[in-house]
């Protein structure tokens, strides 16, 4: 079963991210409450969430079906 994470990017657009296709998550150097999500395709999203909490949420979705 596919688990998508729904959030908004820096421009306010809604984004659905499939955690299986995430290549990397980086913390924004200017604003520590924002994170860059880089997909396997090279697309980058600036998400208004802390890097650690975002990583934990996406890991649970990818590996434990959201539990």
N, C-alpha and C. Protein backbone atom coordinates (compact mmCIF):
# COMPACT_ATOMS: atom_id res chain seq x y z
N UNK A 1 0.84 -1.17 0.00
CA UNK A 1 0.00 0.00 0.00
C UNK A 1 0.89 1.24 0.00
N UNK A 2 0.61 2.18 -0.88
CA UNK A 2 1.40 3.40 -0.96
C UNK A 2 1.00 4.36 0.15
N UNK A 3 1.98 4.94 0.78
CA UNK A 3 1.75 5.92 1.82
C UNK A 3 2.34 7.25 1.33
N UNK A 4 1.51 8.26 1.19
CA UNK A 4 1.96 9.57 0.76
C UNK A 4 1.92 10.53 1.94
N UNK A 5 2.85 11.46 1.95
CA UNK A 5 2.88 12.51 2.96
C UNK A 5 2.41 13.79 2.30
N UNK A 6 1.34 14.36 2.82
CA UNK A 6 0.78 15.57 2.24
C UNK A 6 1.17 16.77 3.08
N UNK A 7 1.71 17.79 2.42
CA UNK A 7 2.16 19.00 3.09
C UNK A 7 2.13 20.15 2.10
N UNK A 8 2.63 21.29 2.49
CA UNK A 8 2.72 22.45 1.59
C UNK A 8 4.18 22.85 1.44
N UNK A 9 4.54 23.29 0.23
CA UNK A 9 5.89 23.76 0.00
C UNK A 9 5.99 25.24 0.35
N UNK A 10 7.13 25.85 0.08
CA UNK A 10 7.37 27.24 0.48
C UNK A 10 6.47 28.23 -0.24
N UNK A 11 5.93 27.86 -1.40
CA UNK A 11 5.05 28.76 -2.14
C UNK A 11 3.58 28.59 -1.76
N UNK A 12 3.29 27.64 -0.89
CA UNK A 12 1.92 27.40 -0.45
C UNK A 12 1.18 26.34 -1.24
N UNK A 13 1.83 25.75 -2.23
CA UNK A 13 1.20 24.69 -3.00
C UNK A 13 1.21 23.39 -2.22
N UNK A 14 0.12 22.64 -2.33
CA UNK A 14 0.07 21.35 -1.67
C UNK A 14 0.93 20.35 -2.44
N UNK A 15 1.67 19.55 -1.68
CA UNK A 15 2.59 18.58 -2.25
C UNK A 15 2.31 17.23 -1.61
N UNK A 16 2.23 16.19 -2.41
CA UNK A 16 2.13 14.82 -1.91
C UNK A 16 3.44 14.12 -2.23
N UNK A 17 4.12 13.68 -1.20
CA UNK A 17 5.45 13.07 -1.36
C UNK A 17 5.35 11.59 -1.06
N UNK A 18 5.85 10.78 -1.99
CA UNK A 18 5.98 9.35 -1.73
C UNK A 18 7.37 9.13 -1.14
N UNK A 19 7.46 8.73 0.13
CA UNK A 19 8.76 8.63 0.79
C UNK A 19 9.71 7.62 0.17
N UNK A 20 9.20 6.70 -0.61
CA UNK A 20 10.05 5.71 -1.25
C UNK A 20 10.98 6.35 -2.27
N UNK A 21 10.55 7.47 -2.88
CA UNK A 21 11.32 8.12 -3.93
C UNK A 21 12.13 9.33 -3.46
N UNK A 22 12.34 9.45 -2.16
CA UNK A 22 13.16 10.54 -1.64
C UNK A 22 14.62 10.14 -1.68
N UNK A 23 15.45 11.00 -2.26
CA UNK A 23 16.89 10.73 -2.32
C UNK A 23 17.60 11.31 -1.10
N UNK A 24 17.16 12.50 -0.65
CA UNK A 24 17.88 13.17 0.42
C UNK A 24 16.98 14.21 1.08
N UNK A 25 17.22 14.44 2.38
CA UNK A 25 16.54 15.50 3.11
C UNK A 25 17.62 16.35 3.76
N UNK A 26 17.56 17.66 3.54
CA UNK A 26 18.56 18.58 4.08
C UNK A 26 17.88 19.66 4.90
N UNK A 27 18.55 20.13 5.93
CA UNK A 27 18.07 21.26 6.70
C UNK A 27 18.44 22.55 5.97
N UNK A 28 17.55 23.52 5.99
CA UNK A 28 17.83 24.82 5.38
C UNK A 28 18.83 25.56 6.26
N UNK A 29 19.88 26.11 5.67
CA UNK A 29 20.93 26.76 6.45
C UNK A 29 20.48 28.09 7.05
N UNK A 30 19.49 28.74 6.44
CA UNK A 30 19.02 30.03 6.95
C UNK A 30 17.93 29.84 8.00
N UNK A 31 16.93 29.05 7.68
CA UNK A 31 15.79 28.84 8.57
C UNK A 31 15.80 27.38 9.02
N UNK A 32 16.10 27.13 10.27
CA UNK A 32 16.20 25.75 10.77
C UNK A 32 14.85 25.05 10.85
N UNK A 33 13.76 25.79 10.69
CA UNK A 33 12.44 25.17 10.70
C UNK A 33 11.97 24.76 9.30
N UNK A 34 12.86 24.85 8.32
CA UNK A 34 12.55 24.45 6.95
C UNK A 34 13.52 23.36 6.50
N UNK A 35 13.05 22.51 5.60
CA UNK A 35 13.86 21.41 5.09
C UNK A 35 13.72 21.32 3.59
N UNK A 36 14.78 20.91 2.93
CA UNK A 36 14.75 20.61 1.51
C UNK A 36 14.55 19.11 1.35
N UNK A 37 13.58 18.73 0.55
CA UNK A 37 13.37 17.33 0.22
C UNK A 37 13.75 17.18 -1.24
N UNK A 38 14.74 16.32 -1.50
CA UNK A 38 15.22 16.10 -2.85
C UNK A 38 14.77 14.71 -3.29
N UNK A 39 14.04 14.68 -4.40
CA UNK A 39 13.49 13.42 -4.91
C UNK A 39 14.51 12.75 -5.83
N UNK A 40 14.28 11.47 -6.13
CA UNK A 40 15.17 10.73 -7.04
C UNK A 40 15.25 11.39 -8.41
N UNK A 41 14.19 12.05 -8.83
CA UNK A 41 14.15 12.70 -10.14
C UNK A 41 14.93 14.01 -10.16
N UNK A 42 15.39 14.49 -9.00
CA UNK A 42 16.12 15.73 -8.92
C UNK A 42 15.27 16.91 -8.49
N UNK A 43 13.97 16.74 -8.43
CA UNK A 43 13.07 17.81 -8.00
C UNK A 43 13.30 18.11 -6.53
N UNK A 44 13.32 19.41 -6.19
CA UNK A 44 13.56 19.85 -4.81
C UNK A 44 12.32 20.58 -4.30
N UNK A 45 11.97 20.28 -3.07
CA UNK A 45 10.86 20.96 -2.40
C UNK A 45 11.40 21.60 -1.13
N UNK A 46 11.02 22.83 -0.88
CA UNK A 46 11.33 23.49 0.39
C UNK A 46 10.08 23.37 1.25
N UNK A 47 10.18 22.57 2.30
CA UNK A 47 9.05 22.26 3.17
C UNK A 47 9.23 23.00 4.48
N UNK A 48 8.19 23.59 5.00
CA UNK A 48 8.25 24.37 6.23
C UNK A 48 8.16 23.52 7.48
N UNK A 49 9.02 22.51 7.59
CA UNK A 49 9.05 21.63 8.76
C UNK A 49 10.49 21.37 9.16
N UNK A 50 10.69 21.10 10.42
CA UNK A 50 12.00 20.76 10.96
C UNK A 50 12.51 19.48 10.31
N UNK A 51 13.79 19.43 10.00
CA UNK A 51 14.39 18.30 9.29
C UNK A 51 14.25 16.99 10.07
N UNK A 52 14.48 17.03 11.37
CA UNK A 52 14.44 15.80 12.18
C UNK A 52 13.03 15.24 12.25
N UNK A 53 12.04 16.08 12.54
CA UNK A 53 10.67 15.58 12.64
C UNK A 53 10.15 15.12 11.28
N UNK A 54 10.51 15.82 10.22
CA UNK A 54 10.12 15.42 8.88
C UNK A 54 10.72 14.07 8.51
N UNK A 55 11.98 13.87 8.82
CA UNK A 55 12.66 12.60 8.55
C UNK A 55 12.00 11.46 9.30
N UNK A 56 11.69 11.67 10.57
CA UNK A 56 11.05 10.62 11.37
C UNK A 56 9.69 10.25 10.81
N UNK A 57 8.90 11.24 10.42
CA UNK A 57 7.58 10.99 9.85
C UNK A 57 7.67 10.22 8.54
N UNK A 58 8.56 10.65 7.66
CA UNK A 58 8.70 9.99 6.35
C UNK A 58 9.25 8.58 6.49
N UNK A 59 10.14 8.36 7.45
CA UNK A 59 10.68 7.00 7.68
C UNK A 59 9.57 6.06 8.13
N UNK A 60 8.71 6.53 9.02
CA UNK A 60 7.60 5.70 9.48
C UNK A 60 6.67 5.35 8.33
N UNK A 61 6.40 6.29 7.46
CA UNK A 61 5.53 6.03 6.32
C UNK A 61 6.16 5.02 5.36
N UNK A 62 7.46 5.17 5.12
CA UNK A 62 8.14 4.31 4.16
C UNK A 62 8.35 2.89 4.69
N UNK A 63 8.69 2.77 5.96
CA UNK A 63 9.10 1.47 6.48
C UNK A 63 8.08 0.77 7.37
N UNK A 64 7.22 1.52 8.01
CA UNK A 64 6.32 0.92 8.98
C UNK A 64 4.86 1.21 8.68
N UNK A 65 4.53 1.61 7.47
CA UNK A 65 3.16 1.89 7.04
C UNK A 65 2.48 2.92 7.91
N UNK A 66 3.22 3.90 8.38
CA UNK A 66 2.65 5.01 9.13
C UNK A 66 2.44 4.76 10.60
N UNK A 67 2.86 3.61 11.11
CA UNK A 67 2.67 3.30 12.53
C UNK A 67 3.77 3.89 13.36
